[in-house]
Amino acid sequence: MPPKPTKKTVNRSVLPEDDDAYVRLPDVLRVYPVSETTWWEGVAAGRFPRPTKLSTRVSAWQVRQIRALLQARAEEVQSKR
């Protein structure tokens, strides 16, 4: 059995091309690899974008919000180098 990877890989191809499309939390966490708890704490604290309620039990984020978050994070990491 191969060893488990130590770092999560970021797969941005999960996001649809259309910036107006919506993605659910599992897809968000594939491109922004944090735990679900960390994500929701970040939403509550304002670090991550708030979701749009599509129905009573369904929350989703616009692809443009997630791309903006990824871009801001990349710029933050770049500025620290």
PDB file of N, CA and C in Angstrom:
ATOM      1  N   MET A   1       0.846  -1.175   0.000  1.00  0.00           N
ATOM      2  CA  MET A   1       0.000   0.000   0.000  1.00  0.00           C
ATOM      3  C   MET A   1       0.891   1.237   0.000  1.00  0.00           C
ATOM      4  N   PRO A   2       0.653   2.182  -0.939  1.00  0.00           N
ATOM      5  CA  PRO A   2       1.500   3.376  -1.000  1.00  0.00           C
ATOM      6  C   PRO A   2       1.231   4.294   0.198  1.00  0.00           C
ATOM      7  N   PRO A   3       2.235   5.071   0.588  1.00  0.00           N
ATOM      8  CA  PRO A   3       2.040   5.998   1.711  1.00  0.00           C
ATOM      9  C   PRO A   3       1.040   7.087   1.350  1.00  0.00           C
ATOM     10  N   LYS A   4       0.383   7.594   2.365  1.00  0.00           N
ATOM     11  CA  LYS A   4      -0.557   8.693   2.158  1.00  0.00           C
ATOM     12  C   LYS A   4       0.214   9.965   1.845  1.00  0.00           C
ATOM     13  N   PRO A   5      -0.288  10.773   0.933  1.00  0.00           N
ATOM     14  CA  PRO A   5       0.411  12.038   0.642  1.00  0.00           C
ATOM     15  C   PRO A   5       0.338  12.968   1.844  1.00  0.00           C
ATOM     16  N   THR A   6       1.393  13.748   2.030  1.00  0.00           N
ATOM     17  CA  THR A   6       1.445  14.650   3.168  1.00  0.00           C
ATOM     18  C   THR A   6       0.786  15.990   2.885  1.00  0.00           C
ATOM     19  N   LYS A   7       0.650  16.356   1.622  1.00  0.00           N
ATOM     20  CA  LYS A   7       0.010  17.613   1.248  1.00  0.00           C
ATOM     21  C   LYS A   7      -1.159  17.324   0.335  1.00  0.00           C
ATOM     22  N   LYS A   8      -2.215  18.081   0.505  1.00  0.00           N
ATOM     23  CA  LYS A   8      -3.347  17.967  -0.401  1.00  0.00           C
ATOM     24  C   LYS A   8      -3.003  18.703  -1.693  1.00  0.00           C
ATOM     25  N   THR A   9      -3.349  18.107  -2.809  1.00  0.00           N
ATOM     26  CA  THR A   9      -3.100  18.778  -4.081  1.00  0.00           C
ATOM     27  C   THR A   9      -4.290  19.651  -4.431  1.00  0.00           C
ATOM     28  N   VAL A  10      -4.018  20.788  -4.976  1.00  0.00           N
ATOM     29  CA  VAL A  10      -5.067  21.723  -5.359  1.00  0.00           C
ATOM     30  C   VAL A  10      -5.396  21.478  -6.829  1.00  0.00           C
ATOM     31  N   ASN A  11      -6.641  21.106  -7.091  1.00  0.00           N
ATOM     32  CA  ASN A  11      -7.090  20.816  -8.445  1.00  0.00           C
ATOM     33  C   ASN A  11      -8.109  21.873  -8.850  1.00  0.00           C
ATOM     34  N   ARG A  12      -7.657  22.902  -9.527  1.00  0.00           N
ATOM     35  CA  ARG A  12      -8.549  23.991  -9.913  1.00  0.00           C
ATOM     36  C   ARG A  12      -9.460  23.614 -11.067  1.00  0.00           C
ATOM     37  N   SER A  13      -9.201  22.474 -11.704  1.00  0.00           N
ATOM     38  CA  SER A  13     -10.055  22.065 -12.819  1.00  0.00           C
ATOM     39  C   SER A  13     -11.444  21.650 -12.341  1.00  0.00           C
ATOM     40  N   VAL A  14     -11.651  21.542 -11.035  1.00  0.00           N
ATOM     41  CA  VAL A  14     -12.959  21.202 -10.483  1.00  0.00           C
ATOM     42  C   VAL A  14     -13.952  22.335 -10.741  1.00  0.00           C
ATOM     43  N   LEU A  15     -13.459  23.554 -10.799  1.00  0.00           N
ATOM     44  CA  LEU A  15     -14.337  24.701 -10.982  1.00  0.00           C
ATOM     45  C   LEU A  15     -14.814  24.802 -12.429  1.00  0.00           C
ATOM     46  N   PRO A  16     -16.100  25.049 -12.627  1.00  0.00           N
ATOM     47  CA  PRO A  16     -16.605  25.254 -13.991  1.00  0.00           C
ATOM     48  C   PRO A  16     -16.001  26.514 -14.608  1.00  0.00           C
ATOM     49  N   GLU A  17     -16.016  26.577 -15.930  1.00  0.00           N
ATOM     50  CA  GLU A  17     -15.494  27.746 -16.643  1.00  0.00           C
ATOM     51  C   GLU A  17     -16.334  28.993 -16.392  1.00  0.00           C
ATOM     52  N   ASP A  18     -17.640  28.822 -16.239  1.00  0.00           N
ATOM     53  CA  ASP A  18     -18.577  29.929 -16.081  1.00  0.00           C
ATOM     54  C   ASP A  18     -18.462  30.538 -14.679  1.00  0.00           C
ATOM     55  N   ASP A  19     -18.081  31.819 -14.611  1.00  0.00           N
ATOM     56  CA  ASP A  19     -17.945  32.496 -13.316  1.00  0.00           C
ATOM     57  C   ASP A  19     -19.277  32.655 -12.589  1.00  0.00           C
ATOM     58  N   ASP A  20     -20.382  32.583 -13.314  1.00  0.00           N
ATOM     59  CA  ASP A  20     -21.692  32.720 -12.688  1.00  0.00           C
ATOM     60  C   ASP A  20     -22.250  31.396 -12.169  1.00  0.00           C
ATOM     61  N   ALA A  21     -21.538  30.302 -12.416  1.00  0.00           N
ATOM     62  CA  ALA A  21     -21.979  28.989 -11.937  1.00  0.00           C
ATOM     63  C   ALA A  21     -21.818  28.916 -10.416  1.00  0.00           C
ATOM     64  N   TYR A  22     -22.496  27.976  -9.823  1.00  0.00           N
ATOM     65  CA  TYR A  22     -22.403  27.748  -8.386  1.00  0.00           C
ATOM     66  C   TYR A  22     -21.755  26.409  -8.116  1.00  0.00           C
ATOM     67  N   VAL A  23     -20.980  26.338  -7.036  1.00  0.00           N
ATOM     68  CA  VAL A  23     -20.374  25.082  -6.607  1.00  0.00           C
ATOM     69  C   VAL A  23     -20.707  24.851  -5.144  1.00  0.00           C
ATOM     70  N   ARG A  24     -20.847  23.590  -4.801  1.00  0.00           N
ATOM     71  CA  ARG A  24     -21.162  23.211  -3.424  1.00  0.00           C
ATOM     72  C   ARG A  24     -19.867  23.053  -2.630  1.00  0.00           C
ATOM     73  N   LEU A  25     -19.997  22.906  -1.331  1.00  0.00           N
ATOM     74  CA  LEU A  25     -18.843  22.884  -0.439  1.00  0.00           C
ATOM     75  C   LEU A  25     -17.802  21.811  -0.782  1.00  0.00           C
ATOM     76  N   PRO A  26     -18.170  20.575  -1.117  1.00  0.00           N
ATOM     77  CA  PRO A  26     -17.112  19.602  -1.444  1.00  0.00           C
ATOM     78  C   PRO A  26     -16.200  20.066  -2.581  1.00  0.00           C
ATOM     79  N   ASP A  27     -16.757  20.729  -3.582  1.00  0.00           N
ATOM     80  CA  ASP A  27     -15.931  21.244  -4.679  1.00  0.00           C
ATOM     81  C   ASP A  27     -15.068  22.414  -4.225  1.00  0.00           C
ATOM     82  N   VAL A  28     -15.616  23.261  -3.362  1.00  0.00           N
ATOM     83  CA  VAL A  28     -14.834  24.382  -2.817  1.00  0.00           C
ATOM     84  C   VAL A  28     -13.632  23.842  -2.054  1.00  0.00           C
ATOM     85  N   LEU A  29     -13.852  22.824  -1.244  1.00  0.00           N
ATOM     86  CA  LEU A  29     -12.764  22.281  -0.423  1.00  0.00           C
ATOM     87  C   LEU A  29     -11.739  21.509  -1.253  1.00  0.00           C
ATOM     88  N   ARG A  30     -12.089  21.116  -2.457  1.00  0.00           N
ATOM     89  CA  ARG A  30     -11.101  20.487  -3.348  1.00  0.00           C
ATOM     90  C   ARG A  30     -10.104  21.513  -3.870  1.00  0.00           C
ATOM     91  N   VAL A  31     -10.536  22.751  -4.043  1.00  0.00           N
ATOM     92  CA  VAL A  31      -9.628  23.777  -4.567  1.00  0.00           C
ATOM     93  C   VAL A  31      -9.044  24.655  -3.468  1.00  0.00           C
ATOM     94  N   TYR A  32      -9.678  24.671  -2.307  1.00  0.00           N
ATOM     95  CA  TYR A  32      -9.164  25.417  -1.152  1.00  0.00           C
ATOM     96  C   TYR A  32      -9.120  24.429   0.007  1.00  0.00           C
ATOM     97  N   PRO A  33      -8.052  23.632   0.092  1.00  0.00           N
ATOM     98  CA  PRO A  33      -8.021  22.493   1.009  1.00  0.00           C
ATOM     99  C   PRO A  33      -7.869  22.854   2.488  1.00  0.00           C
ATOM    100  N   VAL A  34      -9.003  23.090   3.110  1.00  0.00           N
ATOM    101  CA  VAL A  34      -9.084  23.247   4.559  1.00  0.00           C
ATOM    102  C   VAL A  34     -10.196  22.317   5.026  1.00  0.00           C
ATOM    103  N   SER A  35     -10.283  22.116   6.330  1.00  0.00           N
ATOM    104  CA  SER A  35     -11.354  21.265   6.831  1.00  0.00           C
ATOM    105  C   SER A  35     -12.687  21.992   6.724  1.00  0.00           C
ATOM    106  N   GLU A  36     -13.757  21.223   6.766  1.00  0.00           N
ATOM    107  CA  GLU A  36     -15.088  21.819   6.703  1.00  0.00           C
ATOM    108  C   GLU A  36     -15.313  22.773   7.876  1.00  0.00           C
ATOM    109  N   THR A  37     -14.845  22.387   9.049  1.00  0.00           N
ATOM    110  CA  THR A  37     -14.988  23.243  10.233  1.00  0.00           C
ATOM    111  C   THR A  37     -14.229  24.551  10.050  1.00  0.00           C
ATOM    112  N   THR A  38     -12.997  24.468   9.563  1.00  0.00           N
ATOM    113  CA  THR A  38     -12.196  25.671   9.315  1.00  0.00           C
ATOM    114  C   THR A  38     -12.884  26.565   8.299  1.00  0.00           C
ATOM    115  N   TRP A  39     -13.461  25.956   7.261  1.00  0.00           N
ATOM    116  CA  TRP A  39     -14.156  26.739   6.243  1.00  0.00           C
ATOM    117  C   TRP A  39     -15.305  27.525   6.858  1.00  0.00           C
ATOM    118  N   TRP A  40     -16.167  26.836   7.615  1.00  0.00           N
ATOM    119  CA  TRP A  40     -17.334  27.513   8.188  1.00  0.00           C
ATOM    120  C   TRP A  40     -16.934  28.551   9.234  1.00  0.00           C
ATOM    121  N   GLU A  41     -15.864  28.304   9.977  1.00  0.00           N
ATOM    122  CA  GLU A  41     -15.360  29.324  10.909  1.00  0.00           C
ATOM    123  C   GLU A  41     -14.870  30.547  10.138  1.00  0.00           C
ATOM    124  N   GLY A  42     -14.211  30.312   8.995  1.00  0.00           N
ATOM    125  CA  GLY A  42     -13.744  31.409   8.145  1.00  0.00           C
ATOM    126  C   GLY A  42     -14.891  32.205   7.550  1.00  0.00           C
ATOM    127  N   VAL A  43     -15.976  31.523   7.184  1.00  0.00           N
ATOM    128  CA  VAL A  43     -17.171  32.216   6.681  1.00  0.00           C
ATOM    129  C   VAL A  43     -17.741  33.101   7.783  1.00  0.00           C
ATOM    130  N   ALA A  44     -17.856  32.551   8.983  1.00  0.00           N
ATOM    131  CA  ALA A  44     -18.416  33.316  10.114  1.00  0.00           C
ATOM    132  C   ALA A  44     -17.539  34.515  10.460  1.00  0.00           C
ATOM    133  N   ALA A  45     -16.220  34.366  10.318  1.00  0.00           N
ATOM    134  CA  ALA A  45     -15.290  35.444  10.648  1.00  0.00           C
ATOM    135  C   ALA A  45     -15.114  36.442   9.500  1.00  0.00           C
ATOM    136  N   GLY A  46     -15.643  36.125   8.323  1.00  0.00           N
ATOM    137  CA  GLY A  46     -15.505  37.022   7.181  1.00  0.00           C
ATOM    138  C   GLY A  46     -14.257  36.792   6.348  1.00  0.00           C
ATOM    139  N   ARG A  47     -13.480  35.756   6.636  1.00  0.00           N
ATOM    140  CA  ARG A  47     -12.278  35.454   5.845  1.00  0.00           C
ATOM    141  C   ARG A  47     -12.632  34.787   4.525  1.00  0.00           C
ATOM    142  N   PHE A  48     -13.725  34.054   4.500  1.00  0.00           N
ATOM    143  CA  PHE A  48     -14.172  33.351   3.302  1.00  0.00           C
ATOM    144  C   PHE A  48     -15.538  33.896   2.906  1.00  0.00           C
ATOM    145  N   PRO A  49     -15.890  33.803   1.625  1.00  0.00           N
ATOM    146  CA  PRO A  49     -17.178  34.358   1.182  1.00  0.00           C
ATOM    147  C   PRO A  49     -18.373  33.607   1.755  1.00  0.00           C
ATOM    148  N   ARG A  50     -19.447  34.351   1.957  1.00  0.00           N
ATOM    149  CA  ARG A  50     -20.688  33.741   2.437  1.00  0.00           C
ATOM    150  C   ARG A  50     -21.374  33.021   1.283  1.00  0.00           C
ATOM    151  N   PRO A  51     -22.029  31.914   1.577  1.00  0.00           N
ATOM    152  CA  PRO A  51     -22.705  31.179   0.507  1.00  0.00           C
ATOM    153  C   PRO A  51     -24.037  31.814   0.138  1.00  0.00           C
ATOM    154  N   THR A  52     -24.543  31.407  -0.996  1.00  0.00           N
ATOM    155  CA  THR A  52     -25.886  31.752  -1.428  1.00  0.00           C
ATOM    156  C   THR A  52     -26.764  30.562  -1.109  1.00  0.00           C
ATOM    157  N   LYS A  53     -27.904  30.798  -0.489  1.00  0.00           N
ATOM    158  CA  LYS A  53     -28.843  29.712  -0.200  1.00  0.00           C
ATOM    159  C   LYS A  53     -29.645  29.432  -1.461  1.00  0.00           C
ATOM    160  N   LEU A  54     -29.503  28.240  -2.011  1.00  0.00           N
ATOM    161  CA  LEU A  54     -30.257  27.858  -3.196  1.00  0.00           C
ATOM    162  C   LEU A  54     -31.591  27.235  -2.818  1.00  0.00           C
ATOM    163  N   SER A  55     -31.655  26.664  -1.621  1.00  0.00           N
ATOM    164  CA  SER A  55     -32.898  26.146  -1.057  1.00  0.00           C
ATOM    165  C   SER A  55     -32.688  26.047   0.447  1.00  0.00           C
ATOM    166  N   THR A  56     -33.639  25.514   1.146  1.00  0.00           N
ATOM    167  CA  THR A  56     -33.559  25.445   2.604  1.00  0.00           C
ATOM    168  C   THR A  56     -32.300  24.737   3.078  1.00  0.00           C
ATOM    169  N   ARG A  57     -31.937  23.654   2.404  1.00  0.00           N
ATOM    170  CA  ARG A  57     -30.801  22.850   2.853  1.00  0.00           C
ATOM    171  C   ARG A  57     -29.615  22.876   1.907  1.00  0.00           C
ATOM    172  N   VAL A  58     -29.609  23.773   0.943  1.00  0.00           N
ATOM    173  CA  VAL A  58     -28.536  23.801  -0.050  1.00  0.00           C
ATOM    174  C   VAL A  58     -27.881  25.183  -0.089  1.00  0.00           C
ATOM    175  N   SER A  59     -26.575  25.190   0.193  1.00  0.00           N
ATOM    176  CA  SER A  59     -25.770  26.405   0.094  1.00  0.00           C
ATOM    177  C   SER A  59     -24.727  26.195  -0.986  1.00  0.00           C
ATOM    178  N   ALA A  60     -24.404  27.252  -1.707  1.00  0.00           N
ATOM    179  CA  ALA A  60     -23.399  27.154  -2.765  1.00  0.00           C
ATOM    180  C   ALA A  60     -22.709  28.501  -2.919  1.00  0.00           C
ATOM    181  N   TRP A  61     -21.561  28.466  -3.572  1.00  0.00           N
ATOM    182  CA  TRP A  61     -20.772  29.671  -3.791  1.00  0.00           C
ATOM    183  C   TRP A  61     -20.617  29.891  -5.285  1.00  0.00           C
ATOM    184  N   GLN A  62     -20.638  31.159  -5.691  1.00  0.00           N
ATOM    185  CA  GLN A  62     -20.383  31.470  -7.093  1.00  0.00           C
ATOM    186  C   GLN A  62     -18.909  31.214  -7.386  1.00  0.00           C
ATOM    187  N   VAL A  63     -18.657  30.688  -8.551  1.00  0.00           N
ATOM    188  CA  VAL A  63     -17.289  30.376  -8.964  1.00  0.00           C
ATOM    189  C   VAL A  63     -16.422  31.624  -8.899  1.00  0.00           C
ATOM    190  N   ARG A  64     -16.976  32.790  -9.271  1.00  0.00           N
ATOM    191  CA  ARG A  64     -16.162  34.022  -9.233  1.00  0.00           C
ATOM    192  C   ARG A  64     -15.705  34.342  -7.807  1.00  0.00           C
ATOM    193  N   GLN A  65     -16.516  34.031  -6.790  1.00  0.00           N
ATOM    194  CA  GLN A  65     -16.114  34.264  -5.400  1.00  0.00           C
ATOM    195  C   GLN A  65     -14.924  33.378  -5.024  1.00  0.00           C
ATOM    196  N   ILE A  66     -14.977  32.130  -5.445  1.00  0.00           N
ATOM    197  CA  ILE A  66     -13.905  31.192  -5.106  1.00  0.00           C
ATOM    198  C   ILE A  66     -12.626  31.547  -5.860  1.00  0.00           C
ATOM    199  N   ARG A  67     -12.756  31.940  -7.126  1.00  0.00           N
ATOM    200  CA  ARG A  67     -11.571  32.358  -7.881  1.00  0.00           C
ATOM    201  C   ARG A  67     -10.938  33.597  -7.257  1.00  0.00           C
ATOM    202  N   ALA A  68     -11.753  34.535  -6.810  1.00  0.00           N
ATOM    203  CA  ALA A  68     -11.227  35.740  -6.160  1.00  0.00           C
ATOM    204  C   ALA A  68     -10.501  35.372  -4.861  1.00  0.00           C
ATOM    205  N   LEU A  69     -11.054  34.435  -4.111  1.00  0.00           N
ATOM    206  CA  LEU A  69     -10.416  33.975  -2.878  1.00  0.00           C
ATOM    207  C   LEU A  69      -9.066  33.329  -3.187  1.00  0.00           C
ATOM    208  N   LEU A  70      -9.029  32.468  -4.205  1.00  0.00           N
ATOM    209  CA  LEU A  70      -7.780  31.818  -4.590  1.00  0.00           C
ATOM    210  C   LEU A  70      -6.744  32.836  -5.059  1.00  0.00           C
ATOM    211  N   GLN A  71      -7.178  33.834  -5.817  1.00  0.00           N
ATOM    212  CA  GLN A  71      -6.260  34.876  -6.296  1.00  0.00           C
ATOM    213  C   GLN A  71      -5.706  35.689  -5.135  1.00  0.00           C
ATOM    214  N   ALA A  72      -6.572  36.061  -4.198  1.00  0.00           N
ATOM    215  CA  ALA A  72      -6.116  36.831  -3.031  1.00  0.00           C
ATOM    216  C   ALA A  72      -5.120  36.030  -2.206  1.00  0.00           C
ATOM    217  N   ARG A  73      -5.389  34.740  -2.057  1.00  0.00           N
ATOM    218  CA  ARG A  73      -4.478  33.875  -1.300  1.00  0.00           C
ATOM    219  C   ARG A  73      -3.135  33.763  -2.015  1.00  0.00           C
ATOM    220  N   ALA A  74      -3.151  33.615  -3.332  1.00  0.00           N
ATOM    221  CA  ALA A  74      -1.908  33.518  -4.100  1.00  0.00           C
ATOM    222  C   ALA A  74      -1.095  34.805  -3.979  1.00  0.00           C
ATOM    223  N   GLU A  75      -1.769  35.946  -4.030  1.00  0.00           N
ATOM    224  CA  GLU A  75      -1.073  37.227  -3.892  1.00  0.00           C
ATOM    225  C   GLU A  75      -0.498  37.393  -2.488  1.00  0.00           C
ATOM    226  N   GLU A  76      -1.229  36.914  -1.491  1.00  0.00           N
ATOM    227  CA  GLU A  76      -0.743  36.983  -0.105  1.00  0.00           C
ATOM    228  C   GLU A  76       0.501  36.142   0.060  1.00  0.00           C
ATOM    229  N   VAL A  77       0.488  34.936  -0.468  1.00  0.00           N
ATOM    230  CA  VAL A  77       1.652  34.059  -0.377  1.00  0.00           C
ATOM    231  C   VAL A  77       2.825  34.661  -1.138  1.00  0.00           C
ATOM    232  N   GLN A  78       2.555  35.207  -2.321  1.00  0.00           N
ATOM    233  CA  GLN A  78       3.613  35.815  -3.143  1.00  0.00           C
ATOM    234  C   GLN A  78       4.260  37.008  -2.437  1.00  0.00           C
ATOM    235  N   SER A  79       3.464  37.820  -1.749  1.00  0.00           N
ATOM    236  CA  SER A  79       4.002  39.000  -1.082  1.00  0.00           C
ATOM    237  C   SER A  79       4.865  38.640   0.128  1.00  0.00           C
ATOM    238  N   LYS A  80       4.683  37.460   0.667  1.00  0.00           N
ATOM    239  CA  LYS A  80       5.489  37.032   1.826  1.00  0.00           C
ATOM    240  C   LYS A  80       6.842  36.490   1.409  1.00  0.00           C
ATOM    241  N   ARG A  81       7.037  36.262   0.126  1.00  0.00           N
ATOM    242  CA  ARG A  81       8.323  35.702  -0.339  1.00  0.00           C
ATOM    243  C   ARG A  81       9.362  36.735  -0.535  1.00  0.00           C
TER     244      ARG A  81
END
